Amino acid sequence: MNIPEEKVCVATVSQKGLTTIPKEVREFLKICEGDRVIFKIERDGTVSLQKAVFLPAEK
């Protein structure tokens, strides 16, 4: 998938603090049901979302 120059997606937060990640974002990050995500808060006030990738533990 090509990286767009800029794309804005909007989601609504429920009363319980839940939200749905927009389909375009899920597809771009290849996020599926059961995957974990990382929210990173930057010093400048921006927040980024990444798909969490876990490496298998060494035996």
PDB file of N, CA and C in Angstrom:
ATOM      1  N   MET A   1       0.850  -1.181   0.000  1.00  0.00           N
ATOM      2  CA  MET A   1       0.000   0.000   0.000  1.00  0.00           C
ATOM      3  C   MET A   1       0.892   1.239   0.000  1.00  0.00           C
ATOM      4  N   ASN A   2       0.545   2.193  -0.830  1.00  0.00           N
ATOM      5  CA  ASN A   2       1.301   3.438  -0.884  1.00  0.00           C
ATOM      6  C   ASN A   2       1.010   4.291   0.336  1.00  0.00           C
ATOM      7  N   ILE A   3       2.028   4.976   0.817  1.00  0.00           N
ATOM      8  CA  ILE A   3       1.855   5.874   1.962  1.00  0.00           C
ATOM      9  C   ILE A   3       1.323   7.200   1.437  1.00  0.00           C
ATOM     10  N   PRO A   4       0.135   7.605   1.908  1.00  0.00           N
ATOM     11  CA  PRO A   4      -0.413   8.883   1.448  1.00  0.00           C
ATOM     12  C   PRO A   4       0.380  10.042   2.028  1.00  0.00           C
ATOM     13  N   GLU A   5       0.368  11.168   1.319  1.00  0.00           N
ATOM     14  CA  GLU A   5       1.045  12.350   1.846  1.00  0.00           C
ATOM     15  C   GLU A   5       0.456  12.736   3.190  1.00  0.00           C
ATOM     16  N   GLU A   6      -0.847  12.751   3.254  1.00  0.00           N
ATOM     17  CA  GLU A   6      -1.525  13.060   4.513  1.00  0.00           C
ATOM     18  C   GLU A   6      -2.940  12.526   4.433  1.00  0.00           C
ATOM     19  N   LYS A   7      -3.396  11.937   5.495  1.00  0.00           N
ATOM     20  CA  LYS A   7      -4.755  11.397   5.553  1.00  0.00           C
ATOM     21  C   LYS A   7      -5.272  11.643   6.950  1.00  0.00           C
ATOM     22  N   VAL A   8      -6.463  12.161   7.061  1.00  0.00           N
ATOM     23  CA  VAL A   8      -7.085  12.419   8.353  1.00  0.00           C
ATOM     24  C   VAL A   8      -8.308  11.522   8.476  1.00  0.00           C
ATOM     25  N   CYS A   9      -8.392  10.784   9.562  1.00  0.00           N
ATOM     26  CA  CYS A   9      -9.545   9.941   9.864  1.00  0.00           C
ATOM     27  C   CYS A   9     -10.068  10.365  11.232  1.00  0.00           C
ATOM     28  N   VAL A  10     -11.371  10.326  11.395  1.00  0.00           N
ATOM     29  CA  VAL A  10     -11.999  10.741  12.654  1.00  0.00           C
ATOM     30  C   VAL A  10     -12.731   9.553  13.254  1.00  0.00           C
ATOM     31  N   ALA A  11     -12.623   9.389  14.567  1.00  0.00           N
ATOM     32  CA  ALA A  11     -13.342   8.342  15.291  1.00  0.00           C
ATOM     33  C   ALA A  11     -13.996   8.974  16.512  1.00  0.00           C
ATOM     34  N   THR A  12     -15.069   8.365  16.969  1.00  0.00           N
ATOM     35  CA  THR A  12     -15.792   8.844  18.142  1.00  0.00           C
ATOM     36  C   THR A  12     -15.437   7.990  19.347  1.00  0.00           C
ATOM     37  N   VAL A  13     -15.283   8.612  20.500  1.00  0.00           N
ATOM     38  CA  VAL A  13     -14.991   7.911  21.750  1.00  0.00           C
ATOM     39  C   VAL A  13     -16.304   7.693  22.492  1.00  0.00           C
ATOM     40  N   SER A  14     -16.523   6.445  22.924  1.00  0.00           N
ATOM     41  CA  SER A  14     -17.756   6.130  23.654  1.00  0.00           C
ATOM     42  C   SER A  14     -17.671   6.615  25.095  1.00  0.00           C
ATOM     43  N   GLN A  15     -18.774   6.497  25.803  1.00  0.00           N
ATOM     44  CA  GLN A  15     -18.842   6.890  27.205  1.00  0.00           C
ATOM     45  C   GLN A  15     -17.824   6.112  28.038  1.00  0.00           C
ATOM     46  N   LYS A  16     -17.526   4.879  27.633  1.00  0.00           N
ATOM     47  CA  LYS A  16     -16.570   4.034  28.359  1.00  0.00           C
ATOM     48  C   LYS A  16     -15.136   4.229  27.880  1.00  0.00           C
ATOM     49  N   GLY A  17     -14.912   5.182  26.966  1.00  0.00           N
ATOM     50  CA  GLY A  17     -13.567   5.457  26.484  1.00  0.00           C
ATOM     51  C   GLY A  17     -13.134   4.561  25.335  1.00  0.00           C
ATOM     52  N   LEU A  18     -14.068   3.831  24.738  1.00  0.00           N
ATOM     53  CA  LEU A  18     -13.752   2.946  23.628  1.00  0.00           C
ATOM     54  C   LEU A  18     -13.907   3.673  22.303  1.00  0.00           C
ATOM     55  N   THR A  19     -13.137   3.250  21.313  1.00  0.00           N
ATOM     56  CA  THR A  19     -13.265   3.795  19.971  1.00  0.00           C
ATOM     57  C   THR A  19     -12.964   2.691  18.971  1.00  0.00           C
ATOM     58  N   THR A  20     -13.367   2.889  17.749  1.00  0.00           N
ATOM     59  CA  THR A  20     -13.054   1.959  16.674  1.00  0.00           C
ATOM     60  C   THR A  20     -11.985   2.588  15.807  1.00  0.00           C
ATOM     61  N   ILE A  21     -10.930   1.843  15.544  1.00  0.00           N
ATOM     62  CA  ILE A  21      -9.883   2.341  14.648  1.00  0.00           C
ATOM     63  C   ILE A  21     -10.472   2.328  13.238  1.00  0.00           C
ATOM     64  N   PRO A  22     -10.445   3.447  12.544  1.00  0.00           N
ATOM     65  CA  PRO A  22     -11.036   3.496  11.207  1.00  0.00           C
ATOM     66  C   PRO A  22     -10.459   2.423  10.270  1.00  0.00           C
ATOM     67  N   LYS A  23     -11.303   1.915   9.387  1.00  0.00           N
ATOM     68  CA  LYS A  23     -10.928   0.835   8.477  1.00  0.00           C
ATOM     69  C   LYS A  23      -9.670   1.175   7.679  1.00  0.00           C
ATOM     70  N   GLU A  24      -9.569   2.394   7.172  1.00  0.00           N
ATOM     71  CA  GLU A  24      -8.387   2.778   6.385  1.00  0.00           C
ATOM     72  C   GLU A  24      -7.106   2.652   7.205  1.00  0.00           C
ATOM     73  N   VAL A  25      -7.168   2.998   8.494  1.00  0.00           N
ATOM     74  CA  VAL A  25      -5.998   2.906   9.370  1.00  0.00           C
ATOM     75  C   VAL A  25      -5.669   1.442   9.640  1.00  0.00           C
ATOM     76  N   ARG A  26      -6.698   0.634   9.945  1.00  0.00           N
ATOM     77  CA  ARG A  26      -6.481  -0.800  10.190  1.00  0.00           C
ATOM     78  C   ARG A  26      -5.851  -1.472   8.979  1.00  0.00           C
ATOM     79  N   GLU A  27      -6.352  -1.150   7.798  1.00  0.00           N
ATOM     80  CA  GLU A  27      -5.796  -1.747   6.589  1.00  0.00           C
ATOM     81  C   GLU A  27      -4.363  -1.292   6.356  1.00  0.00           C
ATOM     82  N   PHE A  28      -4.092  -0.017   6.554  1.00  0.00           N
ATOM     83  CA  PHE A  28      -2.748   0.520   6.335  1.00  0.00           C
ATOM     84  C   PHE A  28      -1.736  -0.119   7.281  1.00  0.00           C
ATOM     85  N   LEU A  29      -2.121  -0.287   8.555  1.00  0.00           N
ATOM     86  CA  LEU A  29      -1.220  -0.876   9.558  1.00  0.00           C
ATOM     87  C   LEU A  29      -1.319  -2.398   9.619  1.00  0.00           C
ATOM     88  N   LYS A  30      -2.213  -2.971   8.810  1.00  0.00           N
ATOM     89  CA  LYS A  30      -2.442  -4.424   8.797  1.00  0.00           C
ATOM     90  C   LYS A  30      -2.818  -4.931  10.190  1.00  0.00           C
ATOM     91  N   ILE A  31      -3.750  -4.211  10.824  1.00  0.00           N
ATOM     92  CA  ILE A  31      -4.239  -4.565  12.152  1.00  0.00           C
ATOM     93  C   ILE A  31      -5.469  -5.459  11.995  1.00  0.00           C
ATOM     94  N   CYS A  32      -5.443  -6.605  12.656  1.00  0.00           N
ATOM     95  CA  CYS A  32      -6.561  -7.549  12.618  1.00  0.00           C
ATOM     96  C   CYS A  32      -7.129  -7.721  14.025  1.00  0.00           C
ATOM     97  N   GLU A  33      -8.290  -8.349  14.102  1.00  0.00           N
ATOM     98  CA  GLU A  33      -8.919  -8.622  15.392  1.00  0.00           C
ATOM     99  C   GLU A  33      -7.942  -9.378  16.285  1.00  0.00           C
ATOM    100  N   GLY A  34      -7.809  -8.935  17.526  1.00  0.00           N
ATOM    101  CA  GLY A  34      -6.926  -9.584  18.492  1.00  0.00           C
ATOM    102  C   GLY A  34      -5.513  -9.017  18.520  1.00  0.00           C
ATOM    103  N   ASP A  35      -5.138  -8.222  17.497  1.00  0.00           N
ATOM    104  CA  ASP A  35      -3.811  -7.592  17.493  1.00  0.00           C
ATOM    105  C   ASP A  35      -3.737  -6.545  18.599  1.00  0.00           C
ATOM    106  N   ARG A  36      -2.533  -6.236  19.005  1.00  0.00           N
ATOM    107  CA  ARG A  36      -2.319  -5.188  20.000  1.00  0.00           C
ATOM    108  C   ARG A  36      -1.710  -3.980  19.302  1.00  0.00           C
ATOM    109  N   VAL A  37      -1.987  -2.804  19.855  1.00  0.00           N
ATOM    110  CA  VAL A  37      -1.450  -1.569  19.294  1.00  0.00           C
ATOM    111  C   VAL A  37      -0.718  -0.786  20.380  1.00  0.00           C
ATOM    112  N   ILE A  38       0.140   0.109  19.934  1.00  0.00           N
ATOM    113  CA  ILE A  38       0.917   0.962  20.832  1.00  0.00           C
ATOM    114  C   ILE A  38       0.518   2.408  20.567  1.00  0.00           C
ATOM    115  N   PHE A  39       0.198   3.134  21.627  1.00  0.00           N
ATOM    116  CA  PHE A  39      -0.030   4.573  21.548  1.00  0.00           C
ATOM    117  C   PHE A  39       1.212   5.242  22.129  1.00  0.00           C
ATOM    118  N   LYS A  40       1.830   6.117  21.353  1.00  0.00           N
ATOM    119  CA  LYS A  40       3.037   6.810  21.816  1.00  0.00           C
ATOM    120  C   LYS A  40       2.731   8.305  21.912  1.00  0.00           C
ATOM    121  N   ILE A  41       2.909   8.864  23.112  1.00  0.00           N
ATOM    122  CA  ILE A  41       2.675  10.294  23.342  1.00  0.00           C
ATOM    123  C   ILE A  41       4.010  11.013  23.221  1.00  0.00           C
ATOM    124  N   GLU A  42       4.073  11.952  22.297  1.00  0.00           N
ATOM    125  CA  GLU A  42       5.298  12.709  22.038  1.00  0.00           C
ATOM    126  C   GLU A  42       5.333  13.977  22.890  1.00  0.00           C
ATOM    127  N   ARG A  43       6.519  14.508  23.073  1.00  0.00           N
ATOM    128  CA  ARG A  43       6.673  15.738  23.866  1.00  0.00           C
ATOM    129  C   ARG A  43       5.938  16.921  23.258  1.00  0.00           C
ATOM    130  N   ASP A  44       5.777  16.912  21.918  1.00  0.00           N
ATOM    131  CA  ASP A  44       5.108  18.040  21.268  1.00  0.00           C
ATOM    132  C   ASP A  44       3.580  17.926  21.322  1.00  0.00           C
ATOM    133  N   GLY A  45       3.070  16.884  21.990  1.00  0.00           N
ATOM    134  CA  GLY A  45       1.633  16.723  22.158  1.00  0.00           C
ATOM    135  C   GLY A  45       0.973  15.824  21.132  1.00  0.00           C
ATOM    136  N   THR A  46       1.725  15.364  20.142  1.00  0.00           N
ATOM    137  CA  THR A  46       1.129  14.450  19.171  1.00  0.00           C
ATOM    138  C   THR A  46       1.123  13.028  19.724  1.00  0.00           C
ATOM    139  N   VAL A  47       0.198  12.240  19.230  1.00  0.00           N
ATOM    140  CA  VAL A  47       0.083  10.842  19.633  1.00  0.00           C
ATOM    141  C   VAL A  47       0.141   9.993  18.371  1.00  0.00           C
ATOM    142  N   SER A  48       0.965   8.952  18.391  1.00  0.00           N
ATOM    143  CA  SER A  48       1.040   8.066  17.231  1.00  0.00           C
ATOM    144  C   SER A  48       0.515   6.689  17.616  1.00  0.00           C
ATOM    145  N   LEU A  49       0.053   5.966  16.612  1.00  0.00           N
ATOM    146  CA  LEU A  49      -0.491   4.625  16.787  1.00  0.00           C
ATOM    147  C   LEU A  49       0.316   3.682  15.919  1.00  0.00           C
ATOM    148  N   GLN A  50       0.781   2.575  16.502  1.00  0.00           N
ATOM    149  CA  GLN A  50       1.545   1.576  15.764  1.00  0.00           C
ATOM    150  C   GLN A  50       1.003   0.196  16.091  1.00  0.00           C
ATOM    151  N   LYS A  51       1.152  -0.721  15.163  1.00  0.00           N
ATOM    152  CA  LYS A  51       0.832  -2.114  15.448  1.00  0.00           C
ATOM    153  C   LYS A  51       1.959  -2.663  16.306  1.00  0.00           C
ATOM    154  N   ALA A  52       1.601  -3.319  17.415  1.00  0.00           N
ATOM    155  CA  ALA A  52       2.610  -3.913  18.291  1.00  0.00           C
ATOM    156  C   ALA A  52       3.087  -5.211  17.655  1.00  0.00           C
ATOM    157  N   VAL A  53       4.394  -5.370  17.607  1.00  0.00           N
ATOM    158  CA  VAL A  53       4.991  -6.587  17.058  1.00  0.00           C
ATOM    159  C   VAL A  53       5.808  -7.228  18.169  1.00  0.00           C
ATOM    160  N   PHE A  54       5.488  -8.463  18.486  1.00  0.00           N
ATOM    161  CA  PHE A  54       6.191  -9.176  19.551  1.00  0.00           C
ATOM    162  C   PHE A  54       7.080 -10.243  18.944  1.00  0.00           C
ATOM    163  N   LEU A  55       8.312 -10.276  19.381  1.00  0.00           N
ATOM    164  CA  LEU A  55       9.250 -11.298  18.916  1.00  0.00           C
ATOM    165  C   LEU A  55       9.177 -12.495  19.835  1.00  0.00           C
ATOM    166  N   PRO A  56       9.290 -13.705  19.285  1.00  0.00           N
ATOM    167  CA  PRO A  56       9.244 -14.893  20.149  1.00  0.00           C
ATOM    168  C   PRO A  56      10.424 -14.899  21.129  1.00  0.00           C
ATOM    169  N   ALA A  57      10.172 -15.363  22.332  1.00  0.00           N
ATOM    170  CA  ALA A  57      11.226 -15.436  23.357  1.00  0.00           C
ATOM    171  C   ALA A  57      12.243 -16.504  22.965  1.00  0.00           C
ATOM    172  N   GLU A  58      13.493 -16.230  23.289  1.00  0.00           N
ATOM    173  CA  GLU A  58      14.529 -17.221  23.036  1.00  0.00           C
ATOM    174  C   GLU A  58      14.419 -18.355  24.014  1.00  0.00           C
ATOM    175  N   LYS A  59      14.728 -19.551  23.559  1.00  0.00           N
ATOM    176  CA  LYS A  59      14.647 -20.728  24.430  1.00  0.00           C
ATOM    177  C   LYS A  59      16.008 -21.098  24.945  1.00  0.00           C
TER     178      LYS A  59
END
